[in-house]
Amino acid sequence: MAGSAQSPLRLAIVGQGVAGVEVALALKKRLDGLVSAGARAGGGVKIHLVGRSSALVPERGKMARILVEKVLSRQGITHHSAFDVVAVADKELVATDGRTARRR
């Protein structure tokens, strides 16, 4: 089973367009059913959607963005905008401006 007995399974998806959103939602649904009861008690599956744009699904209109944001929020998927990932080092995402996002 995925995830340890007491800690959540944490994943980051780089890309906040339609495809990234679809992958995030599919993984959340699939993995929620696979984690152990202990991992669920510890937070279950935590998915983070990361992208360079300041807006979620930037290729779509304002109403689509609002609807997608609501769906992600209901599913517990966190969105991190304006984070242009250029590397992954030691379980840490690195942005072009030097910022990092560490798996916790």
N, C-alpha and C. Protein backbone atom coordinates (compact mmCIF):
# COMPACT_ATOMS: atom_id res chain seq x y z
N MET A 1 0.83 -1.19 0.00
CA MET A 1 0.00 0.00 0.00
C MET A 1 0.87 1.24 0.00
N ALA A 2 0.34 2.30 -0.58
CA ALA A 2 1.09 3.55 -0.68
C ALA A 2 1.02 4.31 0.63
N GLY A 3 2.05 5.08 0.93
CA GLY A 3 2.09 5.92 2.13
C GLY A 3 2.52 5.11 3.34
N SER A 4 3.17 5.75 4.27
CA SER A 4 3.57 5.06 5.49
C SER A 4 2.40 5.04 6.46
N ALA A 5 2.59 4.33 7.55
CA ALA A 5 1.51 4.13 8.50
C ALA A 5 0.99 5.43 9.11
N GLN A 6 1.84 6.41 9.29
CA GLN A 6 1.40 7.62 9.98
C GLN A 6 1.54 8.90 9.17
N SER A 7 2.15 8.87 8.01
CA SER A 7 2.36 10.10 7.28
C SER A 7 1.60 10.09 5.95
N PRO A 8 1.21 11.26 5.50
CA PRO A 8 0.50 11.33 4.21
C PRO A 8 1.43 11.08 3.04
N LEU A 9 0.86 10.65 1.95
CA LEU A 9 1.58 10.53 0.70
C LEU A 9 1.51 11.90 0.04
N ARG A 10 2.65 12.49 -0.29
CA ARG A 10 2.71 13.84 -0.86
C ARG A 10 3.27 13.79 -2.27
N LEU A 11 2.55 14.45 -3.19
CA LEU A 11 2.96 14.51 -4.59
C LEU A 11 2.84 15.93 -5.11
N ALA A 12 3.73 16.28 -6.02
CA ALA A 12 3.64 17.57 -6.70
C ALA A 12 3.50 17.30 -8.19
N ILE A 13 2.58 17.99 -8.82
CA ILE A 13 2.40 17.92 -10.26
C ILE A 13 2.80 19.27 -10.82
N VAL A 14 3.78 19.26 -11.71
CA VAL A 14 4.26 20.49 -12.30
C VAL A 14 3.50 20.71 -13.61
N GLY A 15 2.74 21.80 -13.63
CA GLY A 15 1.91 22.13 -14.78
C GLY A 15 0.49 22.37 -14.32
N GLN A 16 0.02 23.59 -14.46
CA GLN A 16 -1.29 23.96 -13.94
C GLN A 16 -2.32 24.18 -15.04
N GLY A 17 -2.02 23.63 -16.21
CA GLY A 17 -2.99 23.69 -17.30
C GLY A 17 -4.02 22.59 -17.15
N VAL A 18 -4.84 22.42 -18.18
CA VAL A 18 -5.90 21.42 -18.16
C VAL A 18 -5.33 20.03 -17.90
N ALA A 19 -4.25 19.67 -18.56
CA ALA A 19 -3.66 18.34 -18.37
C ALA A 19 -3.17 18.13 -16.94
N GLY A 20 -2.51 19.12 -16.36
CA GLY A 20 -2.04 19.02 -14.98
C GLY A 20 -3.19 18.85 -14.01
N VAL A 21 -4.27 19.59 -14.23
CA VAL A 21 -5.45 19.48 -13.38
C VAL A 21 -6.05 18.08 -13.49
N GLU A 22 -6.15 17.58 -14.72
CA GLU A 22 -6.71 16.25 -14.93
C GLU A 22 -5.86 15.18 -14.24
N VAL A 23 -4.55 15.27 -14.35
CA VAL A 23 -3.66 14.32 -13.70
C VAL A 23 -3.82 14.40 -12.18
N ALA A 24 -3.86 15.61 -11.64
CA ALA A 24 -4.01 15.79 -10.19
C ALA A 24 -5.30 15.15 -9.69
N LEU A 25 -6.40 15.39 -10.38
CA LEU A 25 -7.69 14.84 -9.95
C LEU A 25 -7.71 13.31 -10.07
N ALA A 26 -7.15 12.79 -11.14
CA ALA A 26 -7.12 11.33 -11.34
C ALA A 26 -6.26 10.65 -10.27
N LEU A 27 -5.08 11.23 -9.99
CA LEU A 27 -4.22 10.65 -8.97
C LEU A 27 -4.86 10.71 -7.59
N LYS A 28 -5.49 11.81 -7.28
CA LYS A 28 -6.15 11.96 -5.98
C LYS A 28 -7.20 10.87 -5.80
N LYS A 29 -8.04 10.69 -6.81
CA LYS A 29 -9.10 9.68 -6.72
C LYS A 29 -8.51 8.28 -6.57
N ARG A 30 -7.54 7.96 -7.39
CA ARG A 30 -6.95 6.62 -7.37
C ARG A 30 -6.18 6.35 -6.08
N LEU A 31 -5.35 7.28 -5.68
CA LEU A 31 -4.49 7.06 -4.53
C LEU A 31 -5.23 7.11 -3.20
N ASP A 32 -6.30 7.88 -3.12
CA ASP A 32 -7.08 7.91 -1.88
C ASP A 32 -7.57 6.51 -1.51
N GLY A 33 -7.85 5.70 -2.52
CA GLY A 33 -8.32 4.35 -2.26
C GLY A 33 -7.22 3.37 -1.92
N LEU A 34 -5.97 3.74 -2.11
CA LEU A 34 -4.86 2.82 -1.89
C LEU A 34 -4.11 3.03 -0.58
N VAL A 35 -4.17 4.22 -0.01
CA VAL A 35 -3.39 4.49 1.20
C VAL A 35 -3.96 3.73 2.38
N SER A 36 -3.10 3.41 3.31
CA SER A 36 -3.51 2.66 4.50
C SER A 36 -4.38 3.52 5.40
N ALA A 37 -5.11 2.87 6.30
CA ALA A 37 -5.96 3.59 7.26
C ALA A 37 -5.13 4.53 8.12
N GLY A 38 -3.93 4.10 8.50
CA GLY A 38 -3.04 4.95 9.29
C GLY A 38 -2.62 6.19 8.54
N ALA A 39 -2.32 6.02 7.25
CA ALA A 39 -1.93 7.17 6.43
C ALA A 39 -3.11 8.11 6.24
N ARG A 40 -4.31 7.56 6.09
CA ARG A 40 -5.50 8.41 5.96
C ARG A 40 -5.68 9.23 7.23
N ALA A 41 -5.47 8.61 8.39
CA ALA A 41 -5.60 9.33 9.65
C ALA A 41 -4.53 10.42 9.76
N GLY A 42 -3.37 10.19 9.13
CA GLY A 42 -2.28 11.16 9.15
C GLY A 42 -2.36 12.20 8.06
N GLY A 43 -3.41 12.19 7.26
CA GLY A 43 -3.58 13.19 6.22
C GLY A 43 -3.83 12.64 4.85
N GLY A 44 -3.66 11.32 4.66
CA GLY A 44 -3.97 10.71 3.37
C GLY A 44 -3.05 11.14 2.26
N VAL A 45 -3.63 11.49 1.14
CA VAL A 45 -2.87 11.90 -0.04
C VAL A 45 -2.93 13.42 -0.16
N LYS A 46 -1.78 14.04 -0.23
CA LYS A 46 -1.68 15.49 -0.39
C LYS A 46 -1.09 15.77 -1.76
N ILE A 47 -1.87 16.41 -2.62
CA ILE A 47 -1.41 16.72 -3.96
C ILE A 47 -1.28 18.23 -4.12
N HIS A 48 -0.15 18.63 -4.68
CA HIS A 48 0.14 20.04 -4.93
C HIS A 48 0.31 20.24 -6.42
N LEU A 49 -0.42 21.18 -6.96
CA LEU A 49 -0.34 21.53 -8.38
C LEU A 49 0.49 22.81 -8.47
N VAL A 50 1.59 22.75 -9.22
CA VAL A 50 2.55 23.84 -9.27
C VAL A 50 2.70 24.32 -10.71
N GLY A 51 2.74 25.65 -10.90
CA GLY A 51 2.93 26.16 -12.25
C GLY A 51 3.48 27.57 -12.30
N ARG A 52 3.96 27.93 -13.47
CA ARG A 52 4.62 29.23 -13.64
C ARG A 52 3.64 30.39 -13.78
N SER A 53 2.45 30.12 -14.27
CA SER A 53 1.47 31.19 -14.49
C SER A 53 0.90 31.69 -13.16
N SER A 54 0.40 32.90 -13.17
CA SER A 54 -0.24 33.42 -11.96
C SER A 54 -1.68 32.92 -11.83
N ALA A 55 -2.18 32.23 -12.88
CA ALA A 55 -3.55 31.73 -12.87
C ALA A 55 -3.59 30.24 -13.16
N LEU A 56 -4.54 29.59 -12.54
CA LEU A 56 -4.82 28.19 -12.80
C LEU A 56 -5.46 28.07 -14.18
N VAL A 57 -5.21 26.99 -14.89
CA VAL A 57 -5.67 26.77 -16.28
C VAL A 57 -5.66 28.08 -17.08
N PRO A 58 -4.48 28.64 -17.28
CA PRO A 58 -4.37 29.95 -17.93
C PRO A 58 -4.88 29.98 -19.36
N GLU A 59 -5.00 28.82 -20.00
CA GLU A 59 -5.48 28.77 -21.37
C GLU A 59 -7.00 28.84 -21.46
N ARG A 60 -7.67 28.88 -20.32
CA ARG A 60 -9.14 28.93 -20.29
C ARG A 60 -9.61 30.27 -19.74
N GLY A 61 -10.90 30.50 -19.85
CA GLY A 61 -11.49 31.75 -19.39
C GLY A 61 -11.69 31.82 -17.89
N LYS A 62 -12.12 32.98 -17.43
CA LYS A 62 -12.28 33.25 -16.00
C LYS A 62 -13.26 32.28 -15.34
N MET A 63 -14.39 32.01 -15.96
CA MET A 63 -15.38 31.11 -15.36
C MET A 63 -14.83 29.70 -15.22
N ALA A 64 -14.10 29.23 -16.22
CA ALA A 64 -13.50 27.90 -16.14
C ALA A 64 -12.51 27.84 -14.98
N ARG A 65 -11.71 28.90 -14.81
CA ARG A 65 -10.75 28.95 -13.70
C ARG A 65 -11.47 28.88 -12.36
N ILE A 66 -12.55 29.60 -12.23
CA ILE A 66 -13.32 29.61 -10.97
C ILE A 66 -13.85 28.21 -10.68
N LEU A 67 -14.40 27.56 -11.68
CA LEU A 67 -14.95 26.22 -11.49
C LEU A 67 -13.86 25.20 -11.13
N VAL A 68 -12.74 25.29 -11.82
CA VAL A 68 -11.63 24.37 -11.55
C VAL A 68 -11.09 24.60 -10.14
N GLU A 69 -10.96 25.84 -9.73
CA GLU A 69 -10.49 26.15 -8.37
C GLU A 69 -11.41 25.53 -7.32
N LYS A 70 -12.72 25.59 -7.54
CA LYS A 70 -13.68 25.00 -6.60
C LYS A 70 -13.52 23.49 -6.52
N VAL A 71 -13.36 22.85 -7.67
CA VAL A 71 -13.21 21.40 -7.69
C VAL A 71 -11.92 20.99 -6.97
N LEU A 72 -10.82 21.68 -7.26
CA LEU A 72 -9.56 21.36 -6.59
C LEU A 72 -9.67 21.56 -5.08
N SER A 73 -10.31 22.62 -4.67
CA SER A 73 -10.48 22.90 -3.25
C SER A 73 -11.29 21.79 -2.57
N ARG A 74 -12.37 21.37 -3.21
CA ARG A 74 -13.20 20.28 -2.64
C ARG A 74 -12.40 18.99 -2.51
N GLN A 75 -11.48 18.75 -3.42
CA GLN A 75 -10.68 17.53 -3.41
C GLN A 75 -9.44 17.65 -2.51
N GLY A 76 -9.20 18.83 -1.98
CA GLY A 76 -8.04 19.03 -1.11
C GLY A 76 -6.73 19.14 -1.86
N ILE A 77 -6.80 19.55 -3.11
CA ILE A 77 -5.60 19.72 -3.94
C ILE A 77 -5.18 21.18 -3.85
N THR A 78 -3.92 21.41 -3.48
CA THR A 78 -3.41 22.75 -3.30
C THR A 78 -2.76 23.26 -4.58
N HIS A 79 -3.03 24.51 -4.92
CA HIS A 79 -2.46 25.12 -6.13
C HIS A 79 -1.42 26.16 -5.73
N HIS A 80 -0.25 26.08 -6.35
CA HIS A 80 0.83 27.04 -6.11
C HIS A 80 1.13 27.72 -7.44
N SER A 81 0.73 28.95 -7.57
CA SER A 81 0.94 29.68 -8.84
C SER A 81 2.26 30.44 -8.81
N ALA A 82 2.66 30.91 -9.99
CA ALA A 82 3.87 31.73 -10.15
C ALA A 82 5.11 31.06 -9.56
N PHE A 83 5.22 29.76 -9.76
CA PHE A 83 6.38 28.99 -9.29
C PHE A 83 6.89 28.19 -10.48
N ASP A 84 7.84 28.76 -11.19
CA ASP A 84 8.37 28.17 -12.42
C ASP A 84 9.47 27.17 -12.07
N VAL A 85 9.12 25.89 -12.03
CA VAL A 85 10.04 24.84 -11.62
C VAL A 85 11.08 24.59 -12.71
N VAL A 86 12.34 24.59 -12.29
CA VAL A 86 13.43 24.30 -13.22
C VAL A 86 14.27 23.10 -12.79
N ALA A 87 14.07 22.65 -11.55
CA ALA A 87 14.85 21.51 -11.07
C ALA A 87 14.18 20.86 -9.87
N VAL A 88 14.58 19.63 -9.63
CA VAL A 88 14.21 18.91 -8.42
C VAL A 88 15.51 18.43 -7.82
N ALA A 89 15.75 18.83 -6.58
CA ALA A 89 16.98 18.45 -5.90
C ALA A 89 16.67 18.07 -4.47
N ASP A 90 17.05 16.85 -4.09
CA ASP A 90 16.86 16.37 -2.72
C ASP A 90 15.41 16.54 -2.26
N LYS A 91 14.47 16.05 -3.07
CA LYS A 91 13.03 16.10 -2.78
C LYS A 91 12.50 17.52 -2.65
N GLU A 92 13.13 18.44 -3.34
CA GLU A 92 12.77 19.85 -3.26
C GLU A 92 12.61 20.41 -4.66
N LEU A 93 11.51 21.12 -4.91
CA LEU A 93 11.31 21.79 -6.19
C LEU A 93 12.06 23.12 -6.15
N VAL A 94 12.73 23.46 -7.24
CA VAL A 94 13.49 24.69 -7.32
C VAL A 94 12.93 25.54 -8.46
N ALA A 95 12.62 26.81 -8.16
CA ALA A 95 12.08 27.73 -9.15
C ALA A 95 13.19 28.55 -9.80
N THR A 96 12.86 29.17 -10.92
CA THR A 96 13.85 29.99 -11.64
C THR A 96 14.40 31.12 -10.78
N ASP A 97 13.58 31.64 -9.87
CA ASP A 97 14.03 32.75 -9.03
C ASP A 97 14.75 32.29 -7.76
N GLY A 98 14.99 30.98 -7.64
CA GLY A 98 15.73 30.46 -6.49
C GLY A 98 14.87 29.96 -5.35
N ARG A 99 13.58 30.28 -5.38
CA ARG A 99 12.71 29.77 -4.31
C ARG A 99 12.67 28.25 -4.37
N THR A 100 12.40 27.65 -3.20
CA THR A 100 12.27 26.20 -3.15
C THR A 100 10.97 25.82 -2.45
N ALA A 101 10.48 24.64 -2.77
CA ALA A 101 9.30 24.09 -2.11
C ALA A 101 9.69 22.69 -1.68
N ARG A 102 9.81 22.50 -0.43
CA ARG A 102 10.25 21.21 0.12
C ARG A 102 9.08 20.35 0.52
N ARG A 103 9.23 19.08 0.25
CA ARG A 103 8.24 18.10 0.68
C ARG A 103 8.26 18.02 2.20
N ARG A 104 7.11 18.16 2.82
CA ARG A 104 7.04 18.10 4.29
C ARG A 104 6.12 17.02 4.72
